[in-house]
């Protein structure tokens, strides 16, 4: 379970950083996967639409929090 949560955290970090790069310039690598949040979610949520860069950086920070939280999950045997 811990590995799945850590993978989710890594994906969130990658999507957040990639979305921030895409907002500032053009993201040429894995744009469909990595920019899903930036291109699909952000424009449809009015609160995030005006602050796309901040939303992407917060997504990356949330991914880091998920990874740290996964480290604290008890190990199942």
N, C-alpha and C. Protein backbone atom coordinates (compact mmCIF):
# COMPACT_ATOMS: atom_id res chain seq x y z
N UNK A 1 0.82 -1.20 0.00
CA UNK A 1 0.00 0.00 0.00
C UNK A 1 0.87 1.26 0.00
N UNK A 2 1.98 1.18 0.72
CA UNK A 2 2.86 2.34 0.82
C UNK A 2 3.42 2.73 -0.54
N UNK A 3 3.82 1.74 -1.33
CA UNK A 3 4.39 2.03 -2.65
C UNK A 3 3.36 2.69 -3.57
N UNK A 4 2.10 2.25 -3.49
CA UNK A 4 1.06 2.84 -4.34
C UNK A 4 0.84 4.31 -3.98
N UNK A 5 0.85 4.62 -2.71
CA UNK A 5 0.66 6.01 -2.27
C UNK A 5 1.88 6.85 -2.66
N UNK A 6 3.07 6.27 -2.57
CA UNK A 6 4.27 7.00 -2.98
C UNK A 6 4.26 7.27 -4.48
N UNK A 7 3.82 6.31 -5.26
CA UNK A 7 3.72 6.51 -6.72
C UNK A 7 2.72 7.61 -7.03
N UNK A 8 1.61 7.63 -6.31
CA UNK A 8 0.62 8.70 -6.49
C UNK A 8 1.25 10.06 -6.18
N UNK A 9 2.04 10.14 -5.13
CA UNK A 9 2.71 11.38 -4.78
C UNK A 9 3.69 11.83 -5.85
N UNK A 10 4.43 10.89 -6.41
CA UNK A 10 5.37 11.22 -7.47
C UNK A 10 4.63 11.73 -8.71
N UNK A 11 3.52 11.09 -9.04
CA UNK A 11 2.72 11.54 -10.19
C UNK A 11 2.19 12.95 -9.95
N UNK A 12 1.73 13.24 -8.75
CA UNK A 12 1.24 14.59 -8.44
C UNK A 12 2.37 15.62 -8.56
N UNK A 13 3.54 15.28 -8.08
CA UNK A 13 4.68 16.21 -8.20
C UNK A 13 5.01 16.44 -9.67
N UNK A 14 5.08 15.36 -10.45
CA UNK A 14 5.40 15.50 -11.87
C UNK A 14 4.35 16.32 -12.61
N UNK A 15 3.07 16.10 -12.30
CA UNK A 15 2.02 16.87 -12.96
C UNK A 15 2.07 18.34 -12.55
N UNK A 16 2.35 18.61 -11.30
CA UNK A 16 2.42 19.99 -10.84
C UNK A 16 3.58 20.75 -11.45
N UNK A 17 4.75 20.14 -11.45
CA UNK A 17 5.93 20.79 -12.03
C UNK A 17 5.77 20.94 -13.54
N UNK A 18 5.28 19.89 -14.19
CA UNK A 18 5.08 19.94 -15.64
C UNK A 18 4.05 21.01 -16.01
N UNK A 19 2.99 21.12 -15.24
CA UNK A 19 1.99 22.14 -15.51
C UNK A 19 2.54 23.55 -15.33
N UNK A 20 3.40 23.72 -14.32
CA UNK A 20 4.02 25.03 -14.12
C UNK A 20 4.95 25.37 -15.28
N UNK A 21 5.72 24.38 -15.74
CA UNK A 21 6.60 24.61 -16.88
C UNK A 21 5.76 24.91 -18.12
N UNK A 22 4.67 24.18 -18.31
CA UNK A 22 3.81 24.39 -19.47
C UNK A 22 3.15 25.77 -19.41
N UNK A 23 2.85 26.25 -18.22
CA UNK A 23 2.25 27.57 -18.07
C UNK A 23 3.25 28.67 -18.42
N UNK A 24 4.52 28.45 -18.10
CA UNK A 24 5.54 29.46 -18.36
C UNK A 24 6.14 29.34 -19.75
N UNK A 25 6.23 28.14 -20.27
CA UNK A 25 6.81 27.88 -21.59
C UNK A 25 6.04 26.71 -22.20
N UNK A 26 6.69 25.96 -23.06
CA UNK A 26 6.05 24.80 -23.69
C UNK A 26 6.66 23.54 -23.12
N UNK A 27 5.81 22.60 -22.74
CA UNK A 27 6.27 21.32 -22.20
C UNK A 27 6.25 20.28 -23.31
N UNK A 28 7.40 19.85 -23.80
CA UNK A 28 7.44 18.94 -24.93
C UNK A 28 7.33 17.45 -24.58
N UNK A 29 7.52 17.07 -23.32
CA UNK A 29 7.56 15.66 -22.95
C UNK A 29 6.28 15.21 -22.26
N UNK A 30 5.67 14.17 -22.76
CA UNK A 30 4.49 13.54 -22.15
C UNK A 30 3.41 14.56 -21.81
N UNK A 31 3.15 15.48 -22.72
CA UNK A 31 2.20 16.56 -22.48
C UNK A 31 0.80 16.10 -22.14
N UNK A 32 0.34 15.04 -22.79
CA UNK A 32 -1.03 14.56 -22.55
C UNK A 32 -1.17 14.04 -21.12
N UNK A 33 -0.21 13.30 -20.65
CA UNK A 33 -0.27 12.72 -19.30
C UNK A 33 0.09 13.74 -18.22
N UNK A 34 1.20 14.41 -18.40
CA UNK A 34 1.70 15.28 -17.34
C UNK A 34 0.94 16.60 -17.23
N UNK A 35 0.31 17.04 -18.29
CA UNK A 35 -0.40 18.31 -18.24
C UNK A 35 -1.91 18.15 -18.13
N UNK A 36 -2.36 16.98 -17.72
CA UNK A 36 -3.80 16.74 -17.58
C UNK A 36 -4.42 17.73 -16.60
N UNK A 37 -3.82 17.89 -15.43
CA UNK A 37 -4.35 18.81 -14.43
C UNK A 37 -4.36 20.24 -14.96
N UNK A 38 -3.28 20.63 -15.60
CA UNK A 38 -3.14 22.01 -16.10
C UNK A 38 -4.13 22.31 -17.23
N UNK A 39 -4.37 21.35 -18.10
CA UNK A 39 -5.18 21.61 -19.28
C UNK A 39 -6.64 21.22 -19.14
N UNK A 40 -6.98 20.35 -18.19
CA UNK A 40 -8.36 19.90 -18.06
C UNK A 40 -9.00 20.42 -16.78
N UNK A 41 -8.34 20.29 -15.65
CA UNK A 41 -8.95 20.64 -14.37
C UNK A 41 -8.92 22.15 -14.13
N UNK A 42 -7.77 22.77 -14.31
CA UNK A 42 -7.62 24.19 -13.98
C UNK A 42 -8.61 25.08 -14.75
N UNK A 43 -8.78 24.92 -16.05
CA UNK A 43 -9.72 25.81 -16.75
C UNK A 43 -11.19 25.63 -16.34
N UNK A 44 -11.53 24.46 -15.81
CA UNK A 44 -12.93 24.18 -15.46
C UNK A 44 -13.30 24.58 -14.05
N UNK A 45 -12.32 24.90 -13.21
CA UNK A 45 -12.58 25.35 -11.85
C UNK A 45 -12.30 26.84 -11.79
N UNK A 46 -13.34 27.62 -11.57
CA UNK A 46 -13.21 29.09 -11.62
C UNK A 46 -12.17 29.62 -10.64
N UNK A 47 -12.09 29.03 -9.47
CA UNK A 47 -11.13 29.49 -8.46
C UNK A 47 -9.69 29.31 -8.94
N UNK A 48 -9.43 28.25 -9.70
CA UNK A 48 -8.07 27.96 -10.16
C UNK A 48 -7.74 28.61 -11.50
N UNK A 49 -8.74 28.95 -12.28
CA UNK A 49 -8.52 29.42 -13.65
C UNK A 49 -7.63 30.67 -13.70
N UNK A 50 -7.80 31.57 -12.78
CA UNK A 50 -7.00 32.79 -12.78
C UNK A 50 -5.63 32.62 -12.16
N UNK A 51 -5.41 31.51 -11.51
CA UNK A 51 -4.15 31.28 -10.79
C UNK A 51 -3.57 29.93 -11.17
N UNK A 52 -3.36 29.69 -12.44
CA UNK A 52 -2.93 28.38 -12.93
C UNK A 52 -1.54 28.02 -12.42
N UNK A 53 -0.63 28.96 -12.40
CA UNK A 53 0.73 28.66 -11.93
C UNK A 53 0.72 28.27 -10.46
N UNK A 54 0.01 29.03 -9.65
CA UNK A 54 -0.09 28.72 -8.23
C UNK A 54 -0.76 27.36 -8.01
N UNK A 55 -1.80 27.07 -8.78
CA UNK A 55 -2.49 25.78 -8.65
C UNK A 55 -1.56 24.63 -8.96
N UNK A 56 -0.73 24.77 -9.99
CA UNK A 56 0.21 23.71 -10.34
C UNK A 56 1.29 23.54 -9.28
N UNK A 57 1.78 24.61 -8.75
CA UNK A 57 2.80 24.51 -7.70
C UNK A 57 2.21 23.92 -6.42
N UNK A 58 0.96 24.24 -6.12
CA UNK A 58 0.30 23.63 -4.96
C UNK A 58 0.07 22.14 -5.18
N UNK A 59 -0.21 21.74 -6.41
CA UNK A 59 -0.35 20.32 -6.72
C UNK A 59 0.97 19.59 -6.48
N UNK A 60 2.07 20.19 -6.88
CA UNK A 60 3.38 19.59 -6.64
C UNK A 60 3.67 19.50 -5.14
N UNK A 61 3.31 20.53 -4.40
CA UNK A 61 3.50 20.50 -2.94
C UNK A 61 2.62 19.43 -2.29
N UNK A 62 1.40 19.27 -2.79
CA UNK A 62 0.52 18.23 -2.27
C UNK A 62 1.11 16.84 -2.54
N UNK A 63 1.74 16.68 -3.67
CA UNK A 63 2.41 15.41 -3.97
C UNK A 63 3.53 15.12 -2.98
N UNK A 64 4.28 16.14 -2.62
CA UNK A 64 5.35 15.97 -1.64
C UNK A 64 4.77 15.59 -0.27
N UNK A 65 3.66 16.20 0.09
CA UNK A 65 2.99 15.87 1.35
C UNK A 65 2.51 14.42 1.34
N UNK A 66 1.99 13.97 0.21
CA UNK A 66 1.52 12.58 0.10
C UNK A 66 2.69 11.61 0.27
N UNK A 67 3.84 11.93 -0.31
CA UNK A 67 5.00 11.05 -0.17
C UNK A 67 5.47 10.99 1.29
N UNK A 68 5.51 12.14 1.95
CA UNK A 68 5.91 12.16 3.36
C UNK A 68 4.91 11.39 4.21
N UNK A 69 3.62 11.54 3.92
CA UNK A 69 2.60 10.82 4.67
C UNK A 69 2.71 9.31 4.43
N UNK A 70 3.08 8.92 3.23
CA UNK A 70 3.22 7.49 2.93
C UNK A 70 4.36 6.87 3.73
N UNK A 71 5.39 7.64 4.00
CA UNK A 71 6.50 7.14 4.81
C UNK A 71 6.05 6.82 6.23
N UNK A 72 5.02 7.49 6.68
CA UNK A 72 4.55 7.30 8.05
C UNK A 72 3.49 6.21 8.17
N UNK A 73 3.05 5.65 7.03
CA UNK A 73 2.09 4.56 7.08
C UNK A 73 2.76 3.33 7.73
N UNK A 74 2.00 2.60 8.54
CA UNK A 74 2.59 1.40 9.14
C UNK A 74 2.86 0.33 8.09
N UNK A 75 3.95 -0.39 8.27
CA UNK A 75 4.32 -1.45 7.35
C UNK A 75 3.48 -2.68 7.66
N UNK A 76 2.83 -3.22 6.64
CA UNK A 76 2.03 -4.43 6.83
C UNK A 76 2.87 -5.64 6.51
N UNK A 77 2.73 -6.66 7.33
CA UNK A 77 3.53 -7.87 7.08
C UNK A 77 2.69 -9.03 6.60
